[in-house]
Protein backbone atom coordinates (compact mmCIF):
# COMPACT_ATOMS: atom_id res chain seq x y z
CA MET A 1 -83.99 -29.26 1.61
CA LYS A 2 -84.33 -33.07 1.73
CA TYR A 3 -83.16 -34.62 4.93
CA THR A 4 -80.44 -37.24 3.45
CA LEU A 5 -79.18 -34.76 1.28
CA GLN A 6 -78.69 -32.88 4.44
CA ASN A 7 -76.95 -35.63 6.12
CA LYS A 8 -74.51 -35.60 3.42
CA LEU A 9 -73.58 -31.98 3.43
CA ILE A 10 -73.21 -31.57 7.04
CA PHE A 11 -71.11 -35.14 6.89
CA ILE A 12 -68.50 -32.88 4.36
CA LYS A 13 -68.51 -29.95 6.77
CA LEU A 14 -67.70 -32.68 9.58
CA LYS A 15 -64.89 -34.32 7.51
CA LYS A 16 -63.16 -30.82 7.36
CA LEU A 17 -63.60 -29.82 10.87
CA PHE A 18 -63.02 -32.95 12.97
CA LYS A 19 -60.30 -35.76 13.16
CA PRO A 20 -61.66 -39.30 12.67
CA SER A 21 -62.42 -40.11 16.51
CA LEU A 22 -64.69 -37.19 16.89
CA LEU A 23 -66.07 -37.25 13.23
CA GLY A 24 -67.31 -41.22 13.64
CA ILE A 25 -69.28 -40.05 16.75
CA LEU A 26 -70.97 -37.28 15.42
CA PHE A 27 -71.92 -38.96 11.77
CA THR A 28 -72.85 -42.09 13.79
CA SER A 29 -75.44 -40.06 15.75
CA LEU A 30 -76.54 -38.25 12.55
CA LEU A 31 -77.16 -41.43 11.09
CA PHE A 32 -79.08 -42.82 14.26
CA THR A 33 -80.99 -39.94 14.51
CA GLY A 34 -82.42 -40.16 10.87
CA CYS A 35 -82.80 -44.10 10.63
CA SER A 36 -83.77 -45.53 13.91
CA GLU A 37 -87.23 -46.90 14.16
CA GLU A 38 -87.85 -45.74 17.72
CA LEU A 39 -87.92 -42.28 16.61
CA ASP A 40 -90.94 -40.55 14.88
CA LEU A 41 -89.30 -39.45 11.76
CA ILE A 42 -90.14 -36.44 9.58
CA ALA A 43 -90.64 -37.05 5.68
CA GLU A 44 -87.71 -36.40 3.58
CA ASP A 45 -89.11 -33.67 1.61
CA ASN A 46 -90.32 -31.69 4.88
CA VAL A 47 -87.45 -30.67 6.80
CA THR A 48 -87.82 -27.11 8.07
CA ASP A 49 -86.89 -24.72 10.89
CA ALA A 50 -89.87 -25.82 12.88
CA THR A 51 -88.74 -29.59 12.68
CA PHE A 52 -85.08 -29.59 12.72
CA TRP A 53 -84.33 -27.13 16.01
CA GLN A 54 -85.42 -29.71 18.49
CA THR A 55 -82.61 -31.82 20.03
CA PRO A 56 -79.27 -31.63 21.13
CA GLN A 57 -77.77 -32.77 18.28
CA ASP A 58 -79.59 -30.73 16.14
CA PHE A 59 -77.75 -27.60 17.71
CA LYS A 60 -74.63 -29.55 17.98
CA LEU A 61 -74.69 -29.85 13.96
CA ALA A 62 -75.55 -26.36 13.43
CA ALA A 63 -72.67 -25.31 15.77
CA ASN A 64 -70.16 -27.79 14.09
CA ASN A 65 -70.60 -25.46 11.01
CA LEU A 66 -68.84 -22.46 13.20
CA TYR A 67 -65.89 -24.22 13.62
CA ASN A 68 -64.79 -24.07 9.62
CA GLY A 69 -64.10 -20.11 9.84
CA LEU A 70 -61.08 -20.76 12.08
CA ASP A 71 -57.74 -19.78 11.01
CA ARG A 72 -55.64 -22.03 9.40
CA HIS A 73 -52.06 -22.09 8.74
CA GLY A 74 -50.76 -19.01 6.87
CA PHE A 75 -48.15 -16.39 6.91
CA ASP A 76 -49.94 -13.68 9.37
CA ASP A 77 -46.79 -11.96 10.65
CA THR A 78 -45.51 -10.95 6.75
CA GLU A 79 -48.11 -8.15 7.67
CA SER A 80 -45.65 -6.92 10.67
CA ASP A 81 -41.95 -6.52 10.90
CA ILE A 82 -40.71 -9.99 12.09
CA ALA A 83 -41.28 -12.05 8.91
CA PHE A 84 -40.98 -11.89 4.59
CA ASN A 85 -41.90 -13.36 1.72
CA PHE A 86 -42.89 -11.00 -0.63
CA PRO A 87 -43.41 -7.40 -0.22
CA ASN A 88 -46.58 -7.42 1.90
CA SER A 89 -49.12 -4.30 1.20
CA VAL A 90 -50.04 -4.46 4.90
CA SER A 91 -46.67 -4.14 6.08
CA ASN A 92 -45.37 -1.50 4.11
CA GLY A 93 -48.14 0.42 3.76
CA ASN A 94 -49.35 0.29 0.27
CA TYR A 95 -52.71 -1.28 0.35
CA GLN A 96 -55.53 0.86 -0.66
CA LEU A 97 -59.34 0.84 -0.37
CA SER A 98 -61.11 -2.24 -1.45
CA GLU A 99 -64.60 -3.00 -2.87
CA THR A 100 -64.77 -5.99 -0.73
CA ASN A 101 -62.65 -7.52 2.34
CA GLY A 102 -62.56 -11.40 2.91
CA GLN A 103 -62.46 -11.16 6.52
CA TRP A 104 -65.78 -9.01 6.63
CA ASN A 105 -67.29 -10.95 4.32
CA SER A 106 -66.83 -14.28 5.87
CA SER A 107 -67.05 -13.08 9.61
CA TYR A 108 -71.03 -11.59 9.00
CA THR A 109 -71.99 -14.68 7.26
CA TYR A 110 -71.18 -16.77 10.10
CA ILE A 111 -72.66 -14.11 12.17
CA ARG A 112 -75.63 -14.32 10.59
CA ASP A 113 -75.99 -18.30 11.39
CA ILE A 114 -75.00 -18.20 14.80
CA ASN A 115 -77.72 -15.33 15.09
CA THR A 116 -80.20 -18.04 13.92
CA ILE A 117 -78.55 -20.93 16.27
CA LEU A 118 -79.55 -18.03 19.07
CA GLU A 119 -83.08 -17.32 17.67
CA LYS A 120 -83.97 -20.77 17.93
CA SER A 121 -82.76 -21.78 21.22
CA GLU A 122 -84.92 -19.07 22.88
CA ASP A 123 -87.27 -21.25 24.45
CA LYS A 124 -84.63 -24.03 25.16
CA GLU A 125 -83.93 -24.83 28.67
CA ASP A 126 -82.01 -28.38 28.06
CA ALA A 127 -78.75 -27.92 29.24
CA GLU A 128 -77.10 -30.07 26.07
CA ILE A 129 -78.62 -27.62 24.02
CA LEU A 130 -77.63 -24.42 26.14
CA ARG A 131 -74.13 -26.09 25.83
CA TYR A 132 -74.30 -25.50 21.85
CA VAL A 133 -75.81 -22.25 22.33
CA ALA A 134 -72.81 -21.00 24.35
CA GLU A 135 -70.75 -22.42 21.62
CA ALA A 136 -72.31 -20.19 19.06
CA ARG A 137 -71.99 -17.27 21.59
CA PHE A 138 -68.38 -17.82 21.74
CA PHE A 139 -68.20 -17.69 18.08
CA ARG A 140 -70.27 -14.91 17.59
CA ALA A 141 -67.45 -12.92 20.05
CA TRP A 142 -64.64 -14.71 17.87
CA TYR A 143 -66.05 -13.04 14.67
CA TYR A 144 -66.75 -10.10 15.83
CA TRP A 145 -63.60 -9.99 17.22
CA LYS A 146 -61.93 -10.43 13.91
CA LEU A 147 -63.37 -7.54 12.73
CA LEU A 148 -62.91 -5.36 15.43
CA ARG A 149 -59.05 -5.75 15.13
CA LEU A 150 -58.98 -4.50 11.87
CA PHE A 151 -61.88 -1.93 11.42
CA GLY A 152 -62.32 -0.75 15.02
CA GLY A 153 -66.09 -0.42 15.85
CA VAL A 154 -68.56 -2.07 13.34
CA PRO A 155 -72.23 -2.65 12.71
CA ILE A 156 -73.56 -4.97 15.72
CA ILE A 157 -76.14 -7.60 14.04
CA THR A 158 -77.91 -9.70 16.50
CA GLN A 159 -80.88 -11.37 14.17
CA SER A 160 -80.79 -13.53 11.24
CA LEU A 161 -81.66 -10.86 8.56
CA GLY A 162 -83.50 -11.34 5.04
CA ALA A 163 -81.99 -9.35 1.99
CA GLN A 164 -84.41 -6.72 2.23
CA ASP A 165 -84.47 -6.24 6.01
CA PRO A 166 -83.71 -2.30 6.83
CA ASP A 167 -82.06 -3.68 10.08
CA LEU A 168 -79.53 -4.64 7.86
CA TYR A 169 -78.03 -1.45 7.22
CA THR A 170 -77.53 -0.73 11.14
CA SER A 171 -75.15 1.96 12.08
CA ARG A 172 -71.63 1.38 13.08
CA SER A 173 -71.56 0.70 16.96
CA SER A 174 -68.42 2.84 18.30
CA ARG A 175 -65.64 0.83 19.50
CA THR A 176 -65.93 0.35 22.75
CA GLU A 177 -69.68 -0.83 22.19
CA THR A 178 -68.22 -3.45 19.94
CA VAL A 179 -65.67 -4.38 22.57
CA ASP A 180 -68.30 -4.52 25.15
CA PHE A 181 -70.44 -6.78 23.03
CA ILE A 182 -67.80 -9.40 22.23
CA LEU A 183 -66.80 -9.31 26.19
CA GLN A 184 -70.39 -9.87 27.20
CA ASP A 185 -71.24 -12.50 24.84
CA LEU A 186 -67.75 -14.12 26.25
CA ASP A 187 -69.33 -13.88 29.43
CA ASP A 188 -72.62 -15.15 28.73
CA ALA A 189 -70.89 -18.32 27.01
CA VAL A 190 -68.79 -19.35 30.22
CA ALA A 191 -71.46 -20.29 32.65
CA ASP A 192 -73.09 -22.76 29.75
CA LEU A 193 -69.39 -24.22 28.57
CA PRO A 194 -67.93 -27.32 30.23
CA LEU A 195 -64.51 -27.49 31.21
CA LYS A 196 -61.77 -28.96 29.20
CA SER A 197 -61.92 -32.29 31.77
CA GLU A 198 -65.33 -32.60 31.07
CA LEU A 199 -64.75 -33.32 27.25
CA ASP A 200 -65.25 -36.92 26.64
CA GLY A 201 -62.96 -38.40 23.45
CA SER A 202 -65.02 -37.76 20.76
CA ASP A 203 -65.56 -34.06 21.85
CA VAL A 204 -61.69 -33.01 22.14
CA GLY A 205 -61.38 -29.82 20.37
CA ARG A 206 -64.63 -28.25 21.23
CA ILE A 207 -65.16 -24.97 22.72
CA THR A 208 -64.71 -24.96 26.94
CA LYS A 209 -64.85 -22.52 29.45
CA GLY A 210 -61.00 -21.67 29.17
CA THR A 211 -61.65 -21.45 25.35
CA ALA A 212 -64.40 -18.17 25.92
CA LEU A 213 -62.29 -16.75 28.97
CA SER A 214 -59.03 -16.88 27.10
CA LEU A 215 -60.69 -14.82 24.40
CA SER A 216 -62.04 -12.97 26.78
CA ALA A 217 -58.30 -12.10 28.01
CA ARG A 218 -57.22 -11.78 24.78
CA VAL A 219 -59.85 -9.20 23.62
CA ALA A 220 -59.64 -7.23 26.87
CA LEU A 221 -55.83 -6.70 26.93
CA PHE A 222 -55.82 -5.57 23.10
CA GLU A 223 -58.28 -2.94 23.82
CA GLY A 224 -56.77 -2.10 27.57
CA THR A 225 -53.62 -0.92 25.88
CA TRP A 226 -55.27 0.25 22.84
CA GLN A 227 -56.74 2.72 25.15
CA LYS A 228 -53.86 3.13 27.57
CA TYR A 229 -51.71 4.41 24.38
CA ARG A 230 -54.43 6.92 23.37
CA ASN A 231 -55.45 8.27 26.67
CA GLY A 232 -58.72 6.32 27.14
CA ASN A 233 -60.43 4.28 29.51
CA ALA A 234 -57.52 1.69 29.79
CA ASN A 235 -58.35 -0.04 33.31
CA VAL A 236 -61.59 -1.45 32.80
CA TYR A 237 -60.48 -3.74 29.92
CA LEU A 238 -57.07 -4.27 31.96
CA ASP A 239 -58.85 -5.28 35.25
CA LYS A 240 -61.03 -7.89 32.59
CA ALA A 241 -57.50 -9.02 31.06
CA ILE A 242 -56.34 -9.97 34.66
CA SER A 243 -58.91 -11.73 35.87
CA SER A 244 -60.08 -13.68 32.56
CA SER A 245 -56.38 -14.93 32.65
CA ASN A 246 -56.09 -15.93 36.18
CA GLN A 247 -59.72 -17.60 35.97
CA VAL A 248 -57.80 -19.79 33.25
CA ILE A 249 -54.58 -20.47 35.77
CA ASN A 250 -56.61 -20.90 38.94
CA SER A 251 -58.89 -23.48 37.17
CA ASN A 252 -55.89 -25.91 36.54
CA GLN A 253 -57.41 -27.38 33.25
CA TYR A 254 -54.02 -26.33 31.22
CA ALA A 255 -49.85 -26.65 31.32
CA LEU A 256 -47.28 -25.94 29.10
CA TYR A 257 -46.36 -28.93 26.61
CA THR A 258 -43.05 -30.70 28.09
CA GLY A 259 -43.00 -34.01 26.64
CA LYS A 260 -39.85 -33.59 24.26
CA ASP A 261 -37.79 -32.26 27.39
CA GLU A 262 -35.93 -29.49 26.01
CA GLU A 263 -36.96 -29.74 22.73
CA SER A 264 -40.60 -29.04 23.69
CA TYR A 265 -41.28 -25.71 22.42
CA ARG A 266 -40.12 -26.99 18.71
CA TYR A 267 -42.31 -30.32 18.99
CA LEU A 268 -45.40 -28.75 20.47
CA PHE A 269 -46.41 -27.21 17.01
CA LEU A 270 -45.75 -30.27 15.49
CA GLN A 271 -48.10 -33.19 15.78
CA ASN A 272 -46.78 -33.93 19.48
CA GLY A 273 -48.42 -31.04 20.25
CA ASP A 274 -51.86 -31.64 19.19
CA ASP A 275 -54.68 -31.79 21.74
CA SER A 276 -51.82 -31.33 24.50
CA GLN A 277 -52.78 -29.83 27.73
CA GLU A 278 -51.32 -26.47 26.72
CA THR A 279 -54.08 -26.55 23.78
CA ILE A 280 -56.97 -23.91 23.94
CA LEU A 281 -58.02 -23.63 20.51
CA ASP A 282 -57.09 -25.29 17.81
CA ARG A 283 -57.77 -25.06 13.89
CA ARG A 284 -57.60 -29.24 13.73
CA TYR A 285 -56.61 -31.32 10.53
CA GLU A 286 -56.10 -34.58 9.34
CA ARG A 287 -54.36 -36.00 6.46
CA ASN A 288 -56.74 -36.57 3.59
CA ILE A 289 -59.70 -34.87 4.82
CA LEU A 290 -58.52 -31.30 5.35
CA GLY A 291 -54.65 -31.33 5.43
CA HIS A 292 -51.89 -28.51 4.86
CA ASP A 293 -48.76 -28.09 3.20
CA MET A 294 -47.47 -25.48 5.55
CA PRO A 295 -43.55 -27.30 5.78
CA TYR A 296 -43.27 -26.37 1.86
CA GLN A 297 -43.32 -22.86 3.06
CA TYR A 298 -39.91 -22.42 3.98
CA ASP A 299 -36.95 -22.18 1.41
CA GLY A 300 -36.64 -19.72 -1.52
CA THR A 301 -39.50 -17.47 -0.57
CA GLY A 302 -41.07 -19.05 2.14
CA TYR A 303 -42.47 -17.82 5.75
CA ASN A 304 -39.15 -16.05 6.63
CA PRO A 305 -37.67 -14.48 9.67
CA THR A 306 -36.32 -11.10 9.74
CA ARG A 307 -33.10 -9.30 11.34
CA LYS A 308 -36.08 -7.80 13.91
CA LEU A 309 -36.96 -11.20 15.24
CA ALA A 310 -33.53 -12.50 15.20
CA ASP A 311 -32.07 -9.93 17.48
CA LEU A 312 -34.63 -9.93 19.74
CA TYR A 313 -33.48 -13.39 20.82
CA LEU A 314 -31.60 -12.93 24.28
CA ASP A 315 -28.52 -14.41 25.09
CA GLU A 316 -28.15 -17.67 27.25
CA ASN A 317 -27.88 -15.58 30.11
CA GLY A 318 -30.94 -13.69 29.83
CA ILE A 319 -29.44 -10.34 28.54
CA PRO A 320 -30.05 -8.35 25.20
CA ILE A 321 -27.51 -9.04 22.87
CA GLY A 322 -27.07 -5.50 22.62
CA ASN A 323 -25.83 -5.37 26.63
CA SER A 324 -21.82 -4.88 26.89
CA GLN A 325 -22.19 -7.77 29.24
CA SER A 326 -24.02 -10.12 27.17
CA VAL A 327 -22.11 -13.44 25.93
CA PHE A 328 -23.51 -12.80 22.04
CA GLN A 329 -20.76 -14.10 19.73
CA GLY A 330 -21.60 -11.82 17.03
CA TYR A 331 -22.16 -12.01 12.98
CA ASP A 332 -18.72 -13.30 11.73
CA THR A 333 -19.59 -16.70 10.59
CA PHE A 334 -22.25 -18.87 9.32
CA GLU A 335 -23.24 -19.62 13.07
CA SER A 336 -22.16 -17.43 15.11
CA GLU A 337 -25.05 -15.39 15.86
CA PHE A 338 -27.04 -18.57 16.69
CA GLN A 339 -24.63 -19.52 19.76
CA ASN A 340 -25.25 -19.05 23.41
CA ARG A 341 -29.02 -17.65 22.69
CA ASP A 342 -32.40 -18.27 24.35
CA PRO A 343 -32.94 -22.00 22.67
CA ARG A 344 -36.09 -20.67 21.09
CA MET A 345 -34.11 -18.88 18.23
CA THR A 346 -32.60 -22.07 17.23
CA MET A 347 -36.14 -24.03 17.70
CA THR A 348 -37.65 -21.39 15.53
CA MET A 349 -35.13 -20.96 12.94
CA ILE A 350 -32.79 -23.32 11.29
CA ILE A 351 -29.21 -23.30 12.22
CA PRO A 352 -26.94 -22.86 9.01
CA GLY A 353 -25.35 -26.56 8.60
CA GLN A 354 -27.71 -28.10 10.86
CA GLU A 355 -29.24 -31.38 9.35
CA THR A 356 -32.89 -31.28 9.37
CA VAL A 357 -35.86 -33.10 8.04
CA ARG A 358 -36.70 -31.19 5.09
CA VAL A 359 -39.49 -31.42 2.58
CA PHE A 360 -37.89 -29.20 -0.06
CA PHE A 361 -36.66 -32.44 -1.63
CA PRO A 362 -39.44 -35.14 -0.44
CA ASN A 363 -37.48 -38.50 -1.95
CA ASP A 364 -34.36 -37.08 -0.20
CA PRO A 365 -35.39 -35.37 3.11
CA ILE A 366 -32.23 -35.13 4.98
CA ALA A 367 -30.29 -32.10 3.85
CA ASN A 368 -27.30 -30.28 5.14
CA TRP A 369 -26.64 -27.29 4.50
CA PRO A 370 -23.99 -25.80 2.80
CA ASP A 371 -24.74 -28.65 0.49
CA PHE A 372 -27.95 -27.76 0.13
CA PRO A 373 -27.57 -24.91 -2.58
CA GLN A 374 -28.36 -21.60 -0.83
CA ARG A 375 -30.05 -20.04 1.99
CA ASN A 376 -33.38 -18.26 0.83
CA ALA A 377 -32.71 -15.09 -1.00
CA ASN A 378 -34.99 -12.87 1.02
CA THR A 379 -33.82 -12.31 4.17
CA GLY A 380 -31.31 -15.27 4.96
CA TYR A 381 -32.92 -16.91 7.89
CA ILE A 382 -35.02 -20.44 7.48
CA LEU A 383 -37.84 -21.11 9.71
CA TYR A 384 -37.72 -24.27 11.50
CA LYS A 385 -40.80 -23.82 13.40
CA TYR A 386 -43.45 -25.69 11.98
CA MET A 387 -40.99 -27.95 10.06
CA SER A 388 -42.34 -31.13 9.79
CA GLU A 389 -40.54 -34.62 10.77
CA ASP A 390 -43.36 -36.63 9.85
CA PRO A 391 -41.94 -39.45 7.49
CA ILE A 392 -45.09 -40.44 5.31
CA ALA A 393 -45.58 -37.05 4.25
CA ASN A 394 -41.93 -35.91 3.77
CA ASN A 395 -41.55 -38.70 1.49
CA SER A 396 -44.82 -38.56 -0.44
CA GLY A 397 -42.74 -36.99 -3.47
CA GLN A 398 -45.97 -35.24 -3.96
CA MET A 399 -44.73 -31.81 -2.98
CA GLY A 400 -47.23 -28.83 -2.41
CA ASP A 401 -49.78 -31.59 -1.83
CA ALA A 402 -52.02 -29.75 0.90
CA SER A 403 -53.83 -32.97 1.90
CA LEU A 404 -50.67 -34.79 3.61
CA PHE A 405 -49.81 -32.50 6.70
CA ASP A 406 -52.04 -32.64 9.65
CA TYR A 407 -50.90 -30.97 12.64
CA ASP A 408 -52.99 -28.46 14.28
CA ARG A 409 -52.54 -24.50 14.42
CA HIS A 410 -52.82 -23.52 17.82
CA LEU A 411 -54.89 -20.52 17.92
CA ILE A 412 -55.14 -19.82 21.28
CA ARG A 413 -52.68 -21.96 23.95
CA TYR A 414 -51.69 -21.56 27.51
CA ALA A 415 -48.65 -19.56 26.90
CA GLU A 416 -50.61 -16.58 25.44
CA VAL A 417 -52.59 -16.50 28.50
CA LEU A 418 -49.62 -16.53 30.92
CA LEU A 419 -48.06 -13.58 28.39
CA ILE A 420 -51.49 -11.75 28.81
CA TYR A 421 -51.85 -12.02 32.57
CA ALA A 422 -48.31 -10.75 32.97
CA GLU A 423 -48.36 -8.04 30.64
CA ALA A 424 -51.70 -6.31 31.57
CA THR A 425 -50.43 -6.88 35.52
CA PHE A 426 -47.74 -4.62 34.57
CA GLU A 427 -49.60 -2.08 32.50
CA LYS A 428 -52.31 -1.52 34.99
CA ASN A 429 -49.93 -1.30 38.04
CA GLY A 430 -46.61 0.05 36.50
CA ALA A 431 -44.94 -3.24 38.46
CA ILE A 432 -45.07 -6.82 38.57
CA SER A 433 -44.07 -8.68 41.51
CA ASP A 434 -41.70 -11.72 41.34
CA ASP A 435 -44.37 -14.22 42.17
CA ASP A 436 -46.60 -13.46 39.55
CA LEU A 437 -43.31 -13.51 36.98
CA ASP A 438 -42.86 -16.89 38.71
CA ARG A 439 -46.59 -17.70 37.55
CA THR A 440 -46.30 -16.57 34.04
CA ILE A 441 -42.88 -15.58 31.97
CA ASN A 442 -40.47 -17.77 33.92
CA LEU A 443 -42.73 -20.82 33.36
CA LEU A 444 -42.13 -20.39 29.62
CA ARG A 445 -38.50 -19.80 30.30
CA ASP A 446 -38.14 -22.85 32.35
CA ARG A 447 -39.41 -24.95 29.50
CA VAL A 448 -36.38 -23.85 27.55
CA ASN A 449 -33.99 -23.45 30.94
CA MET A 450 -33.67 -19.72 30.47
CA PRO A 451 -32.78 -18.02 33.55
CA HIS A 452 -35.98 -16.03 35.43
CA LEU A 453 -36.86 -12.82 34.67
CA THR A 454 -37.06 -10.90 37.97
CA ASN A 455 -36.83 -7.26 39.11
CA THR A 456 -33.51 -7.80 40.77
CA PHE A 457 -32.44 -8.82 36.84
CA VAL A 458 -33.72 -5.94 35.29
CA GLY A 459 -32.16 -3.54 37.93
CA THR A 460 -28.64 -5.30 37.74
CA TYR A 461 -28.75 -4.95 33.83
CA ASN A 462 -30.49 -1.73 33.42
CA LEU A 463 -33.47 -2.83 31.70
CA ASP A 464 -36.97 -1.87 31.50
CA MET A 465 -39.47 -4.28 32.48
CA LEU A 466 -41.92 -3.68 30.02
CA GLU A 467 -39.70 -4.17 26.97
CA GLU A 468 -38.65 -7.22 28.73
CA ILE A 469 -42.36 -8.46 28.53
CA ARG A 470 -42.76 -7.60 25.54
CA ARG A 471 -39.97 -9.05 24.13
CA GLU A 472 -41.18 -12.15 25.84
CA ARG A 473 -44.47 -12.41 24.05
CA THR A 474 -43.00 -11.74 20.50
CA ILE A 475 -40.29 -14.35 20.94
CA GLU A 476 -42.50 -16.91 22.55
CA LEU A 477 -45.56 -16.29 20.20
CA ALA A 478 -43.14 -15.65 16.95
CA LEU A 479 -44.63 -15.97 13.63
CA GLU A 480 -48.22 -17.09 15.21
CA GLY A 481 -49.80 -13.94 14.11
CA PHE A 482 -49.67 -11.52 17.22
CA ARG A 483 -46.73 -9.36 16.01
CA TYR A 484 -49.16 -6.88 13.98
CA ASP A 485 -51.93 -6.35 16.42
CA ASP A 486 -49.26 -5.94 19.38
CA LEU A 487 -47.57 -3.24 17.25
CA ARG A 488 -50.49 -1.31 16.67
CA ARG A 489 -51.99 -1.78 19.95
CA TRP A 490 -48.85 -0.53 21.54
CA LYS A 491 -49.10 2.26 19.17
CA ILE A 492 -45.47 1.82 18.12
CA ALA A 493 -46.73 0.74 14.28
CA GLU A 494 -45.25 4.05 13.14
CA THR A 495 -41.90 3.60 14.14
CA GLU A 496 -41.56 -0.37 13.70
CA LEU A 497 -43.43 -0.91 10.41
CA SER A 498 -41.76 2.06 8.66
CA ALA A 499 -38.48 1.06 9.00
CA ASP A 500 -36.53 -1.26 6.38
CA ILE A 501 -36.87 -5.20 6.30
CA LYS A 502 -33.42 -6.42 6.95
CA GLY A 503 -31.31 -9.72 6.71
CA ILE A 504 -28.52 -11.48 7.34
CA LYS A 505 -25.35 -9.50 8.20
CA ILE A 506 -23.29 -9.85 4.71
CA GLU A 507 -20.44 -7.60 4.93
CA GLY A 508 -17.43 -8.60 6.95
CA THR A 509 -18.92 -12.30 7.42
CA GLU A 510 -18.55 -15.76 5.81
CA TRP A 511 -21.56 -14.81 4.25
CA ALA A 512 -19.91 -12.38 1.65
CA THR A 513 -17.94 -15.16 0.16
CA ARG A 514 -21.29 -17.46 -0.24
CA GLU A 515 -23.76 -17.29 -3.69
CA PRO A 516 -26.29 -15.35 -3.80
CA TYR A 517 -24.64 -12.90 -1.24
CA SER A 518 -21.67 -12.37 -2.73
CA LEU A 519 -22.82 -11.34 -6.13
CA PRO A 520 -22.67 -7.42 -6.82
CA SER A 521 -26.87 -7.27 -6.43
CA PHE A 522 -26.70 -8.56 -3.09
CA GLN A 523 -23.68 -6.66 -2.09
CA SER A 524 -24.77 -3.16 -2.86
CA ARG A 525 -27.78 -3.94 -0.74
CA VAL A 526 -26.26 -3.50 2.81
CA ASP A 527 -26.95 -0.93 5.50
CA GLU A 528 -24.10 0.94 6.82
CA ASN A 529 -23.51 -1.97 9.58
CA GLY A 530 -23.42 -4.58 6.91
CA PHE A 531 -27.06 -6.15 6.72
CA LEU A 532 -28.83 -6.99 4.36
CA ILE A 533 -31.43 -4.55 3.51
CA VAL A 534 -34.72 -6.59 2.26
CA GLU A 535 -37.34 -3.90 1.49
CA THR A 536 -37.27 -0.12 1.67
CA SER A 537 -39.47 2.98 1.53
CA ARG A 538 -42.20 1.45 3.91
CA VAL A 539 -44.89 3.74 5.32
CA PHE A 540 -47.22 3.80 8.41
CA ASP A 541 -49.23 6.70 8.62
CA PRO A 542 -50.62 7.00 11.99
CA GLN A 543 -53.32 9.11 10.63
CA LYS A 544 -54.84 6.09 8.63
CA HIS A 545 -52.89 2.91 9.38
CA TYR A 546 -54.04 1.88 12.58
CA LEU A 547 -57.44 0.63 11.10
CA GLN A 548 -57.87 -0.67 8.07
CA PRO A 549 -60.76 0.59 5.74
CA LEU A 550 -63.98 -0.67 4.97
CA PRO A 551 -64.85 -2.19 2.12
CA THR A 552 -66.28 0.48 -0.10
CA ARG A 553 -68.89 -1.76 -1.56
CA GLU A 554 -70.43 -1.94 1.83
CA ILE A 555 -70.71 1.41 1.94
CA ALA A 556 -72.22 1.70 -1.11
CA LEU A 557 -74.90 -0.73 0.07
CA TYR A 558 -75.68 1.51 2.70
CA ASN A 559 -75.92 4.51 0.63
CA GLU A 560 -78.42 2.84 -2.03
CA ASN A 561 -80.54 2.21 0.89
CA GLY A 562 -80.95 5.15 2.42
CA ALA A 563 -78.35 4.33 5.36
CA GLU A 564 -74.79 5.48 6.24
CA LEU A 565 -71.63 3.79 6.94
CA THR A 566 -68.69 5.60 8.19
CA GLN A 567 -65.22 5.42 6.58
CA ASN A 568 -62.38 4.84 9.32
CA PRO A 569 -60.26 8.02 9.37
CA GLY A 570 -57.61 9.09 6.71
CA TRP A 571 -59.21 6.59 4.03
């Protein structure tokens, strides 16, 4: 491949990955590498592995591509019970064997690229090169983590193999071997990665020590609880989750975003929260380079919260709404269930009648329900989290233009690390001190002016500490893609995911007088308590659904080449 073409292709990828400050530096550096008269240049038609893998810049450019597979804005929690738009085959248990799987294919594609980077670095000692090699190790852990969470143990490939290489058909590693491999890659990466505070302006957004430690904590908590509730070897992983999260906390590199005072939780997920101290790993966006259209996904069949999520929010005194001492106002009016609640509820869902900057009508962005024609016809709840207030994008008149909105998706944020430490501590010890609650969960509550969670409070109101820790995790990370994994690792998915999806209360409330909920088609779809039933006949088979099936084409390829790839149980 010609060097000039390579520059062009890399630049196209960089445009999709980084904000202009970083993009400009990287591309300028690339141009200087190709044009400086002081350098020994290679003929355009002679670029090979032997000539490319020489400088830190070469390894940096190779590592840049790995960022392209980071998760974009999406509808992850429709696979669980706290969000709904259309019936989801994972959430309702109707998914079947398939020939291919996008996560499998993309993960192994990136893993092959990563293995190439690692192989080309074997004789390198330059600290800058080792930094980008460490980024590659992080990403190998990231992509194997994406496989582990769905499939359990998978084939571990550590070389960049050709199409005819017999090692291409390596047997599946055990679950434990896969987890340990991921955690080892992350441990190895930490040593050569910079701290967040050591990044210069052009490198903001790149992988740091804190990123690797945070992923280590996530993976270890996942596996520790997975093993605990299946009588496995839990403590070694829970200890790892505690250790890794504690290192992030003690690094003093991160803090919760508080830049918008009592509204900080909402604005964290808009442009205000980009590159904040809470950010550990983001999928980065830039308007007209790599944008998204997430704000268009609210009304109608959008990313709708469910009854399950709504009822999880505590009252303003920190008491569950089903408790007799709660100040919950009930469901009788359009607004009543939102009153006297944890403020994160109304920063996640729109209160009926609330004036909001909307993108449903881009040329008339201020819409005030109930003048708005109707709530969505799914659950009756409308998402407020992620709803843009960007006047340029909202007034563009280009509905659905995926290049317009540019706030980042937070993939790992400091709040998650705090929650990991609290949960892993309780799961390991069966108890958690008030001091540990104050340095974790209560920091989250302070941001939204909620009462502290303490052991005395739990005893006074006859609560369960583990349930409250899990509740805190669910509402803090709501609609960020964690719920499906949480239900499975806690081994409660067969109960939670087999239950009906429900929405607003219609019967006996103001909603019964408002179309479309006043129509017979809705009046006939309520449960014994008057709540809208959105989806029924959901199943979760504990013998098969805790892991998804391996792609059948992969199994066939193994068989065709005299090897075996075992399918997951029940499939």
